[in-house]
C-alpha atoms as a PDB file:
ATOM      1  CA  MET A   1     151.032 290.807 241.034  1.00  0.00           C
ATOM      2  CA  GLN A   2     152.105 291.563 237.267  1.00  0.00           C
ATOM      3  CA  ARG A   3     150.567 288.151 234.958  1.00  0.00           C
ATOM      4  CA  SER A   4     152.915 287.547 232.889  1.00  0.00           C
ATOM      5  CA  PRO A   5     151.976 288.013 228.794  1.00  0.00           C
ATOM      6  CA  LEU A   6     152.479 284.943 227.798  1.00  0.00           C
ATOM      7  CA  GLY A   7     150.174 283.733 230.201  1.00  0.00           C
ATOM      8  CA  ASP A   8     149.213 279.746 231.503  1.00  0.00           C
ATOM      9  CA  ASP A   9     149.023 278.442 227.496  1.00  0.00           C
ATOM     10  CA  PRO A  10     150.780 274.667 227.948  1.00  0.00           C
ATOM     11  CA  ALA A  11     152.161 274.711 224.167  1.00  0.00           C
ATOM     12  CA  ARG A  12     154.370 277.766 225.235  1.00  0.00           C
ATOM     13  CA  GLU A  13     155.099 276.163 228.373  1.00  0.00           C
ATOM     14  CA  THR A  14     156.508 272.890 226.644  1.00  0.00           C
ATOM     15  CA  SER A  15     158.290 274.737 223.957  1.00  0.00           C
ATOM     16  CA  ARG A  16     160.826 275.843 227.363  1.00  0.00           C
ATOM     17  CA  GLN A  17     161.488 272.718 228.274  1.00  0.00           C
ATOM     18  CA  PRO A  18     164.801 271.339 227.268  1.00  0.00           C
ATOM     19  CA  ALA A  19     164.912 269.496 223.930  1.00  0.00           C
ATOM     20  CA  ARG A  20     167.162 266.774 226.193  1.00  0.00           C
ATOM     21  CA  ALA A  21     164.102 266.012 228.191  1.00  0.00           C
ATOM     22  CA  ILE A  22     161.827 265.794 224.805  1.00  0.00           C
ATOM     23  CA  ALA A  23     164.353 263.720 223.367  1.00  0.00           C
ATOM     24  CA  GLN A  24     164.011 261.369 226.440  1.00  0.00           C
ATOM     25  CA  ARG A  25     160.792 260.995 226.355  1.00  0.00           C
ATOM     26  CA  ALA A  26     160.402 260.389 222.738  1.00  0.00           C
ATOM     27  CA  ALA A  27     163.692 257.852 223.441  1.00  0.00           C
ATOM     28  CA  ALA A  28     161.168 255.974 225.806  1.00  0.00           C
ATOM     29  CA  ARG A  29     158.136 256.465 223.552  1.00  0.00           C
ATOM     30  CA  PHE A  30     160.218 254.565 221.040  1.00  0.00           C
ATOM     31  CA  GLY A  31     161.488 251.788 223.526  1.00  0.00           C
ATOM     32  CA  ARG A  32     158.267 250.929 224.539  1.00  0.00           C
ATOM     33  CA  ASP A  33     157.074 250.577 220.755  1.00  0.00           C
ATOM     34  CA  ARG A  34     156.962 247.194 219.424  1.00  0.00           C
ATOM     35  CA  ARG A  35     154.933 247.814 216.439  1.00  0.00           C
ATOM     36  CA  GLY A  36     157.100 245.907 214.276  1.00  0.00           C
ATOM     37  CA  VAL A  37     159.167 243.654 215.897  1.00  0.00           C
ATOM     38  CA  ALA A  38     157.814 240.590 214.721  1.00  0.00           C
ATOM     39  CA  ALA A  39     158.661 241.706 210.998  1.00  0.00           C
ATOM     40  CA  VAL A  40     162.441 242.294 212.451  1.00  0.00           C
ATOM     41  CA  GLU A  41     162.772 239.041 214.405  1.00  0.00           C
ATOM     42  CA  PHE A  42     161.587 236.876 210.962  1.00  0.00           C
ATOM     43  CA  ALA A  43     164.379 238.990 208.938  1.00  0.00           C
ATOM     44  CA  PHE A  44     166.653 238.126 211.544  1.00  0.00           C
ATOM     45  CA  ILE A  45     166.121 234.451 211.786  1.00  0.00           C
ATOM     46  CA  ALA A  46     164.508 233.898 208.126  1.00  0.00           C
ATOM     47  CA  PRO A  47     167.537 232.986 206.614  1.00  0.00           C
ATOM     48  CA  LEU A  48     168.375 230.390 208.860  1.00  0.00           C
ATOM     49  CA  LEU A  49     165.089 228.354 208.707  1.00  0.00           C
ATOM     50  CA  ILE A  50     165.383 228.420 204.628  1.00  0.00           C
ATOM     51  CA  LEU A  51     168.757 226.841 205.218  1.00  0.00           C
ATOM     52  CA  ILE A  52     167.878 224.572 207.220  1.00  0.00           C
ATOM     53  CA  TYR A  53     164.461 223.553 205.192  1.00  0.00           C
ATOM     54  CA  PHE A  54     166.298 222.560 202.214  1.00  0.00           C
ATOM     55  CA  SER A  55     169.230 221.043 204.106  1.00  0.00           C
ATOM     56  CA  VAL A  56     166.767 218.408 205.301  1.00  0.00           C
ATOM     57  CA  ALA A  57     165.138 217.958 201.947  1.00  0.00           C
ATOM     58  CA  GLU A  58     168.561 217.274 200.851  1.00  0.00           C
ATOM     59  CA  LEU A  59     169.241 214.788 203.347  1.00  0.00           C
ATOM     60  CA  CYS A  60     166.221 212.921 202.775  1.00  0.00           C
ATOM     61  CA  GLN A  61     166.679 212.691 199.459  1.00  0.00           C
ATOM     62  CA  ALA A  62     169.480 211.273 199.402  1.00  0.00           C
ATOM     63  CA  MET A  63     168.719 208.816 202.610  1.00  0.00           C
ATOM     64  CA  LEU A  64     165.819 208.191 200.106  1.00  0.00           C
ATOM     65  CA  ALA A  65     168.487 207.148 197.146  1.00  0.00           C
ATOM     66  CA  ALA A  66     170.586 205.373 199.667  1.00  0.00           C
ATOM     67  CA  ARG A  67     167.423 203.225 200.183  1.00  0.00           C
ATOM     68  CA  LYS A  68     166.325 202.672 196.585  1.00  0.00           C
ATOM     69  CA  VAL A  69     170.509 201.260 196.113  1.00  0.00           C
ATOM     70  CA  GLN A  70     170.643 198.849 198.720  1.00  0.00           C
ATOM     71  CA  HIS A  71     166.623 197.654 197.695  1.00  0.00           C
ATOM     72  CA  ALA A  72     167.910 197.768 194.292  1.00  0.00           C
ATOM     73  CA  ALA A  73     171.034 195.249 195.318  1.00  0.00           C
ATOM     74  CA  SER A  74     168.623 192.815 196.794  1.00  0.00           C
ATOM     75  CA  ALA A  75     165.977 192.485 194.184  1.00  0.00           C
ATOM     76  CA  VAL A  76     168.902 191.490 192.248  1.00  0.00           C
ATOM     77  CA  GLY A  77     170.143 188.855 193.891  1.00  0.00           C
ATOM     78  CA  ASP A  78     166.840 187.826 194.852  1.00  0.00           C
ATOM     79  CA  LEU A  79     165.691 187.423 191.032  1.00  0.00           C
ATOM     80  CA  VAL A  80     168.729 185.761 189.959  1.00  0.00           C
ATOM     81  CA  THR A  81     168.772 182.924 193.077  1.00  0.00           C
ATOM     82  CA  GLN A  82     165.182 181.983 192.081  1.00  0.00           C
ATOM     83  CA  VAL A  83     166.783 180.206 188.732  1.00  0.00           C
ATOM     84  CA  GLY A  84     169.159 177.475 188.094  1.00  0.00           C
ATOM     85  CA  THR A  85     170.313 178.310 184.813  1.00  0.00           C
ATOM     86  CA  ILE A  86     170.602 182.000 183.952  1.00  0.00           C
ATOM     87  CA  THR A  87     171.810 183.667 180.621  1.00  0.00           C
ATOM     88  CA  PRO A  88     172.961 187.282 180.033  1.00  0.00           C
ATOM     89  CA  SER A  89     169.245 188.877 178.498  1.00  0.00           C
ATOM     90  CA  GLN A  90     167.750 187.180 181.465  1.00  0.00           C
ATOM     91  CA  LEU A  91     169.899 189.236 183.516  1.00  0.00           C
ATOM     92  CA  SER A  92     169.572 192.246 181.217  1.00  0.00           C
ATOM     93  CA  ASP A  93     165.763 191.961 182.099  1.00  0.00           C
ATOM     94  CA  VAL A  94     167.264 191.302 185.580  1.00  0.00           C
ATOM     95  CA  TYR A  95     168.885 195.012 185.872  1.00  0.00           C
ATOM     96  CA  SER A  96     166.051 196.654 183.883  1.00  0.00           C
ATOM     97  CA  ALA A  97     163.591 195.798 186.987  1.00  0.00           C
ATOM     98  CA  ALA A  98     166.402 197.191 189.387  1.00  0.00           C
ATOM     99  CA  SER A  99     166.881 200.515 187.560  1.00  0.00           C
ATOM    100  CA  SER A 100     163.104 200.648 187.867  1.00  0.00           C
ATOM    101  CA  ILE A 101     163.471 200.491 191.628  1.00  0.00           C
ATOM    102  CA  LEU A 102     165.724 203.829 191.371  1.00  0.00           C
ATOM    103  CA  ALA A 103     162.965 205.951 190.184  1.00  0.00           C
ATOM    104  CA  PRO A 104     162.035 209.078 189.907  1.00  0.00           C
ATOM    105  CA  TYR A 105     166.549 208.710 190.525  1.00  0.00           C
ATOM    106  CA  SER A 106     168.722 208.457 187.035  1.00  0.00           C
ATOM    107  CA  THR A 107     169.739 205.514 186.288  1.00  0.00           C
ATOM    108  CA  ALA A 108     172.780 206.596 184.068  1.00  0.00           C
ATOM    109  CA  PRO A 109     174.925 206.737 187.065  1.00  0.00           C
ATOM    110  CA  MET A 110     174.038 202.783 188.328  1.00  0.00           C
ATOM    111  CA  GLY A 111     176.615 200.295 188.352  1.00  0.00           C
ATOM    112  CA  ILE A 112     175.240 196.526 188.813  1.00  0.00           C
ATOM    113  CA  ARG A 113     177.279 193.674 188.840  1.00  0.00           C
ATOM    114  CA  VAL A 114     176.007 189.784 189.701  1.00  0.00           C
ATOM    115  CA  THR A 115     178.640 187.560 189.981  1.00  0.00           C
ATOM    116  CA  SER A 116     178.567 183.280 191.411  1.00  0.00           C
ATOM    117  CA  VAL A 117     181.125 182.370 193.707  1.00  0.00           C
ATOM    118  CA  THR A 118     181.910 179.180 194.899  1.00  0.00           C
ATOM    119  CA  THR A 119     184.283 177.183 197.204  1.00  0.00           C
ATOM    120  CA  ASP A 120     186.429 174.275 196.902  1.00  0.00           C
ATOM    121  CA  ALA A 121     186.919 171.496 199.245  1.00  0.00           C
ATOM    122  CA  LEU A 122     189.383 173.537 201.402  1.00  0.00           C
ATOM    123  CA  GLY A 123     186.864 176.125 201.466  1.00  0.00           C
ATOM    124  CA  ASN A 124     188.722 178.687 198.987  1.00  0.00           C
ATOM    125  CA  ALA A 125     186.222 181.028 197.282  1.00  0.00           C
ATOM    126  CA  THR A 126     186.426 181.556 193.424  1.00  0.00           C
ATOM    127  CA  VAL A 127     184.294 183.208 190.802  1.00  0.00           C
ATOM    128  CA  ALA A 128     181.972 180.982 188.808  1.00  0.00           C
ATOM    129  CA  TRP A 129     181.086 183.610 186.684  1.00  0.00           C
ATOM    130  CA  SER A 130     180.410 187.172 186.666  1.00  0.00           C
ATOM    131  CA  ASN A 131     178.399 189.740 184.187  1.00  0.00           C
ATOM    132  CA  SER A 132     177.906 193.125 184.705  1.00  0.00           C
ATOM    133  CA  GLN A 133     176.254 196.566 183.507  1.00  0.00           C
ATOM    134  CA  ASN A 134     178.198 199.884 184.147  1.00  0.00           C
ATOM    135  CA  MET A 135     180.519 197.792 185.976  1.00  0.00           C
ATOM    136  CA  SER A 136     183.852 195.812 185.093  1.00  0.00           C
ATOM    137  CA  ALA A 137     182.649 192.279 185.653  1.00  0.00           C
ATOM    138  CA  LEU A 138     185.552 190.082 187.924  1.00  0.00           C
ATOM    139  CA  ALA A 139     187.434 187.751 186.232  1.00  0.00           C
ATOM    140  CA  LYS A 140     186.742 183.553 186.183  1.00  0.00           C
ATOM    141  CA  GLY A 141     188.200 181.875 188.976  1.00  0.00           C
ATOM    142  CA  SER A 142     189.737 184.885 190.298  1.00  0.00           C
ATOM    143  CA  SER A 143     189.622 184.880 194.353  1.00  0.00           C
ATOM    144  CA  VAL A 144     186.685 186.823 196.238  1.00  0.00           C
ATOM    145  CA  THR A 145     187.272 187.754 199.965  1.00  0.00           C
ATOM    146  CA  LEU A 146     183.876 186.639 201.538  1.00  0.00           C
ATOM    147  CA  PRO A 147     182.328 187.799 204.731  1.00  0.00           C
ATOM    148  CA  SER A 148     184.084 185.438 207.763  1.00  0.00           C
ATOM    149  CA  SER A 149     181.766 181.552 208.188  1.00  0.00           C
ATOM    150  CA  LEU A 150     179.404 182.624 205.232  1.00  0.00           C
ATOM    151  CA  LEU A 151     180.137 179.966 203.182  1.00  0.00           C
ATOM    152  CA  GLY A 152     181.827 175.969 204.035  1.00  0.00           C
ATOM    153  CA  PRO A 153     183.300 173.902 201.684  1.00  0.00           C
ATOM    154  CA  SER A 154     182.048 173.250 198.751  1.00  0.00           C
ATOM    155  CA  GLN A 155     179.244 175.357 198.620  1.00  0.00           C
ATOM    156  CA  SER A 156     178.455 178.587 196.138  1.00  0.00           C
ATOM    157  CA  VAL A 157     176.438 181.854 196.912  1.00  0.00           C
ATOM    158  CA  VAL A 158     175.212 185.009 194.674  1.00  0.00           C
ATOM    159  CA  MET A 159     176.662 188.047 195.245  1.00  0.00           C
ATOM    160  CA  SER A 160     174.988 191.199 193.671  1.00  0.00           C
ATOM    161  CA  GLU A 161     176.494 194.041 194.034  1.00  0.00           C
ATOM    162  CA  VAL A 162     175.097 197.954 192.911  1.00  0.00           C
ATOM    163  CA  GLN A 163     177.155 201.051 193.106  1.00  0.00           C
ATOM    164  CA  TYR A 164     175.458 204.261 192.699  1.00  0.00           C
ATOM    165  CA  THR A 165     176.601 208.290 192.487  1.00  0.00           C
ATOM    166  CA  TYR A 166     174.083 210.556 194.051  1.00  0.00           C
ATOM    167  CA  GLN A 167     174.692 214.398 192.651  1.00  0.00           C
ATOM    168  CA  SER A 168     172.316 216.235 195.066  1.00  0.00           C
ATOM    169  CA  PRO A 169     170.187 218.718 193.223  1.00  0.00           C
ATOM    170  CA  LEU A 170     169.995 221.410 195.911  1.00  0.00           C
ATOM    171  CA  ASN A 171     173.822 221.330 197.028  1.00  0.00           C
ATOM    172  CA  TYR A 172     173.306 222.721 200.092  1.00  0.00           C
ATOM    173  CA  LEU A 173     174.467 220.191 202.232  1.00  0.00           C
ATOM    174  CA  PHE A 174     176.142 217.941 199.918  1.00  0.00           C
ATOM    175  CA  LYS A 175     178.716 219.814 197.939  1.00  0.00           C
ATOM    176  CA  ASN A 176     180.077 216.969 196.619  1.00  0.00           C
ATOM    177  CA  ALA A 177     178.469 213.516 194.872  1.00  0.00           C
ATOM    178  CA  LEU A 178     178.225 210.691 197.293  1.00  0.00           C
ATOM    179  CA  ASN A 179     179.185 207.034 196.118  1.00  0.00           C
ATOM    180  CA  PHE A 180     176.686 204.882 197.345  1.00  0.00           C
ATOM    181  CA  ASP A 181     177.904 200.833 197.234  1.00  0.00           C
ATOM    182  CA  GLN A 182     175.413 197.777 197.952  1.00  0.00           C
ATOM    183  CA  THR A 183     176.574 193.907 198.305  1.00  0.00           C
ATOM    184  CA  PHE A 184     174.259 191.688 198.981  1.00  0.00           C
ATOM    185  CA  TYR A 185     175.104 187.691 199.678  1.00  0.00           C
ATOM    186  CA  LEU A 186     171.870 185.134 198.566  1.00  0.00           C
ATOM    187  CA  ARG A 187     172.137 181.187 198.388  1.00  0.00           C
ATOM    188  CA  PRO A 188     170.525 179.330 195.204  1.00  0.00           C
ATOM    189  CA  ARG A 189     167.405 178.405 195.999  1.00  0.00           C
ATOM    190  CA  VAL A 190     166.416 175.463 193.650  1.00  0.00           C
ATOM    191  CA  SER A 191     169.892 174.122 193.069  1.00  0.00           C
ATOM    192  CA  ALA A 192     173.371 174.442 194.414  1.00  0.00           C
ATOM    193  CA  THR A 193     174.810 176.653 192.154  1.00  0.00           C
ATOM    194  CA  VAL A 194     173.143 179.291 189.403  1.00  0.00           C
ATOM    195  CA  THR A 195     175.105 178.511 186.090  1.00  0.00           C
ATOM    196  CA  CYS A 196     175.326 181.332 183.179  1.00  0.00           C
ATOM    197  CA  THR A 197     177.560 179.124 180.219  1.00  0.00           C
ATOM    198  CA  THR A 198     177.574 182.418 178.464  1.00  0.00           C
ATOM    199  CA  CYS A 199     178.410 184.975 181.266  1.00  0.00           C
END
């Protein structure tokens, strides 16, 4: 038997295999190769994770601002009801104290209003006096709608209001400004009413 001139060289045998079989084996090896999978997966989910991170951070900042507005409104009413008589100068100090609560947020978009509301013998609520900063004060003698059963006849309450326009510095989740409004009602502590003759 005559021996093939090519002999039994494996390299020569491989060269005679069909190109299709070689391509199939290469594709199989590529399919089993897991190198770089983590990097590819991260490239897919990274934008979503970044969006979620900034959205959560933005939401937390907005919630903190809303909480500070609530605290400021409560503090204003609490300070005013601790005296029997107050002046516009003293109210300005109260507003400054409320502004410090809002730090580090800007106080420029914050409005504060303090109103003493009294009821007559029939329980009708009207404004005894009103003072404000960056808001319009209520007209003296104007009617006020109070929560049901808050006051009985011939009683008084101090109504403190804070309005704040929050603009997110990130603008991922909240594209537009958010308006926070808080109103607190507190009874005078040292007298039947809190008076402000020059308000």
